[in-house]
Amino acid sequence: MAIKSLDLFCLGASHKSAPIDFREELYLDEEQLLKGLPPVKNKFNFSELAALSTCNRFEMFGVCPIGNDNQQGSSMPTWNYKTSQKTVAV
């Protein structure tokens, strides 16, 4: 079996890197994560996508094939995701 080249990424904000008002904007509860991650995963053709959202930090981890085609034409996309309460821009 051939091993594909992959991009692995992590983005996040914690109490060490961002003020509380910014972290509050990133917070997503379990229902929002379960509803919001699949469309993002599908839109950017990630093979894996996971997120951790607590009162102190938000982290998102993903895997996508190198050279993955998406709307921006690069392997690491920029995106806006709207929940029912807020917009998360990455």
C-alpha atoms as a PDB file:
ATOM      1  CA  MET A   1       0.000   0.000   0.000  1.00  0.00           C
ATOM      2  CA  ALA A   2       1.376   3.413  -0.986  1.00  0.00           C
ATOM      3  CA  ILE A   3       1.596   6.102   1.672  1.00  0.00           C
ATOM      4  CA  LYS A   4       0.172   9.433   0.563  1.00  0.00           C
ATOM      5  CA  SER A   5       1.756  12.732   1.485  1.00  0.00           C
ATOM      6  CA  LEU A   6      -0.466  14.636   3.884  1.00  0.00           C
ATOM      7  CA  ASP A   7      -0.649  18.065   5.447  1.00  0.00           C
ATOM      8  CA  LEU A   8      -1.365  17.980   9.177  1.00  0.00           C
ATOM      9  CA  PHE A   9      -2.443  21.201  10.789  1.00  0.00           C
ATOM     10  CA  CYS A  10      -3.373  22.497  14.198  1.00  0.00           C
ATOM     11  CA  LEU A  11      -4.785  25.914  14.921  1.00  0.00           C
ATOM     12  CA  GLY A  12      -5.859  27.224  18.238  1.00  0.00           C
ATOM     13  CA  ALA A  13      -6.043  29.853  20.905  1.00  0.00           C
ATOM     14  CA  SER A  14      -5.486  29.403  24.627  1.00  0.00           C
ATOM     15  CA  HIS A  15      -5.370  31.498  27.779  1.00  0.00           C
ATOM     16  CA  LYS A  16      -1.660  31.909  27.041  1.00  0.00           C
ATOM     17  CA  SER A  17      -2.094  33.221  23.490  1.00  0.00           C
ATOM     18  CA  ALA A  18      -5.410  35.100  23.341  1.00  0.00           C
ATOM     19  CA  PRO A  19      -7.597  37.304  25.537  1.00  0.00           C
ATOM     20  CA  ILE A  20     -10.775  35.850  27.011  1.00  0.00           C
ATOM     21  CA  ASP A  21     -13.123  37.849  24.760  1.00  0.00           C
ATOM     22  CA  PHE A  22     -11.513  36.285  21.687  1.00  0.00           C
ATOM     23  CA  ARG A  23     -11.627  32.771  23.191  1.00  0.00           C
ATOM     24  CA  GLU A  24     -15.303  33.243  24.027  1.00  0.00           C
ATOM     25  CA  GLU A  25     -15.983  33.928  20.345  1.00  0.00           C
ATOM     26  CA  LEU A  26     -14.309  30.646  19.409  1.00  0.00           C
ATOM     27  CA  TYR A  27     -16.145  28.519  21.968  1.00  0.00           C
ATOM     28  CA  LEU A  28     -18.477  25.932  20.439  1.00  0.00           C
ATOM     29  CA  ASP A  29     -20.528  23.537  22.542  1.00  0.00           C
ATOM     30  CA  GLU A  30     -20.796  19.832  21.739  1.00  0.00           C
ATOM     31  CA  GLU A  31     -23.905  20.242  19.597  1.00  0.00           C
ATOM     32  CA  GLN A  32     -22.296  23.021  17.535  1.00  0.00           C
ATOM     33  CA  LEU A  33     -19.144  20.931  17.037  1.00  0.00           C
ATOM     34  CA  LEU A  34     -21.109  17.853  15.968  1.00  0.00           C
ATOM     35  CA  LYS A  35     -23.171  19.940  13.557  1.00  0.00           C
ATOM     36  CA  GLY A  36     -20.363  22.168  12.303  1.00  0.00           C
ATOM     37  CA  LEU A  37     -17.366  19.899  11.723  1.00  0.00           C
ATOM     38  CA  PRO A  38     -18.773  17.597   8.987  1.00  0.00           C
ATOM     39  CA  PRO A  39     -19.604  20.450   6.558  1.00  0.00           C
ATOM     40  CA  VAL A  40     -16.119  21.956   7.042  1.00  0.00           C
ATOM     41  CA  LYS A  41     -14.494  18.537   6.588  1.00  0.00           C
ATOM     42  CA  ASN A  42     -16.447  17.942   3.377  1.00  0.00           C
ATOM     43  CA  LYS A  43     -16.045  21.455   1.976  1.00  0.00           C
ATOM     44  CA  PHE A  44     -12.241  21.295   2.147  1.00  0.00           C
ATOM     45  CA  ASN A  45     -11.864  17.565   1.501  1.00  0.00           C
ATOM     46  CA  PHE A  46     -10.082  16.915   4.800  1.00  0.00           C
ATOM     47  CA  SER A  47      -9.531  13.241   5.462  1.00  0.00           C
ATOM     48  CA  GLU A  48      -9.699  13.914   9.227  1.00  0.00           C
ATOM     49  CA  LEU A  49     -10.938  16.853  11.310  1.00  0.00           C
ATOM     50  CA  ALA A  50     -11.282  17.207  15.071  1.00  0.00           C
ATOM     51  CA  ALA A  51     -11.784  20.093  17.466  1.00  0.00           C
ATOM     52  CA  LEU A  52     -11.465  20.729  21.174  1.00  0.00           C
ATOM     53  CA  SER A  53     -13.434  23.608  22.637  1.00  0.00           C
ATOM     54  CA  THR A  54     -13.248  24.540  26.323  1.00  0.00           C
ATOM     55  CA  CYS A  55     -13.524  27.720  28.342  1.00  0.00           C
ATOM     56  CA  ASN A  56      -9.733  28.107  28.209  1.00  0.00           C
ATOM     57  CA  ARG A  57      -8.893  27.085  24.666  1.00  0.00           C
ATOM     58  CA  PHE A  58     -10.021  26.145  21.180  1.00  0.00           C
ATOM     59  CA  GLU A  59      -7.988  23.800  19.001  1.00  0.00           C
ATOM     60  CA  MET A  60      -8.723  22.288  15.613  1.00  0.00           C
ATOM     61  CA  PHE A  61      -6.676  19.494  14.093  1.00  0.00           C
ATOM     62  CA  GLY A  62      -6.987  18.308  10.522  1.00  0.00           C
ATOM     63  CA  VAL A  63      -5.400  16.207   7.819  1.00  0.00           C
ATOM     64  CA  CYS A  64      -5.636  16.791   4.094  1.00  0.00           C
ATOM     65  CA  PRO A  65      -3.748  15.432   1.100  1.00  0.00           C
ATOM     66  CA  ILE A  66      -0.932  17.671  -0.131  1.00  0.00           C
ATOM     67  CA  GLY A  67      -2.170  19.561  -3.154  1.00  0.00           C
ATOM     68  CA  ASN A  68      -5.782  19.182  -1.997  1.00  0.00           C
ATOM     69  CA  ASP A  69      -7.987  21.295  -4.257  1.00  0.00           C
ATOM     70  CA  ASN A  70     -10.328  23.647  -2.462  1.00  0.00           C
ATOM     71  CA  GLN A  71     -11.941  26.977  -3.224  1.00  0.00           C
ATOM     72  CA  GLN A  72      -8.790  28.920  -2.449  1.00  0.00           C
ATOM     73  CA  GLY A  73      -6.615  26.660  -4.592  1.00  0.00           C
ATOM     74  CA  SER A  74      -4.137  25.772  -1.840  1.00  0.00           C
ATOM     75  CA  SER A  75      -3.807  22.822   0.482  1.00  0.00           C
ATOM     76  CA  MET A  76      -4.359  24.856   3.647  1.00  0.00           C
ATOM     77  CA  PRO A  77      -7.637  26.767   3.298  1.00  0.00           C
ATOM     78  CA  THR A  78      -8.992  29.913   4.837  1.00  0.00           C
ATOM     79  CA  TRP A  79     -12.628  29.645   5.803  1.00  0.00           C
ATOM     80  CA  ASN A  80     -15.578  31.287   7.496  1.00  0.00           C
ATOM     81  CA  TYR A  81     -18.033  29.070   9.302  1.00  0.00           C
ATOM     82  CA  LYS A  82     -21.329  30.423  10.603  1.00  0.00           C
ATOM     83  CA  THR A  83     -23.068  28.750  13.504  1.00  0.00           C
ATOM     84  CA  SER A  84     -26.510  29.728  14.661  1.00  0.00           C
ATOM     85  CA  GLN A  85     -24.896  32.148  17.147  1.00  0.00           C
ATOM     86  CA  LYS A  86     -21.618  33.330  15.658  1.00  0.00           C
ATOM     87  CA  THR A  87     -19.158  33.302  12.794  1.00  0.00           C
ATOM     88  CA  VAL A  88     -15.826  31.575  13.240  1.00  0.00           C
ATOM     89  CA  ALA A  89     -13.213  32.809  10.789  1.00  0.00           C
ATOM     90  CA  VAL A  90      -9.957  30.953  10.364  1.00  0.00           C
END
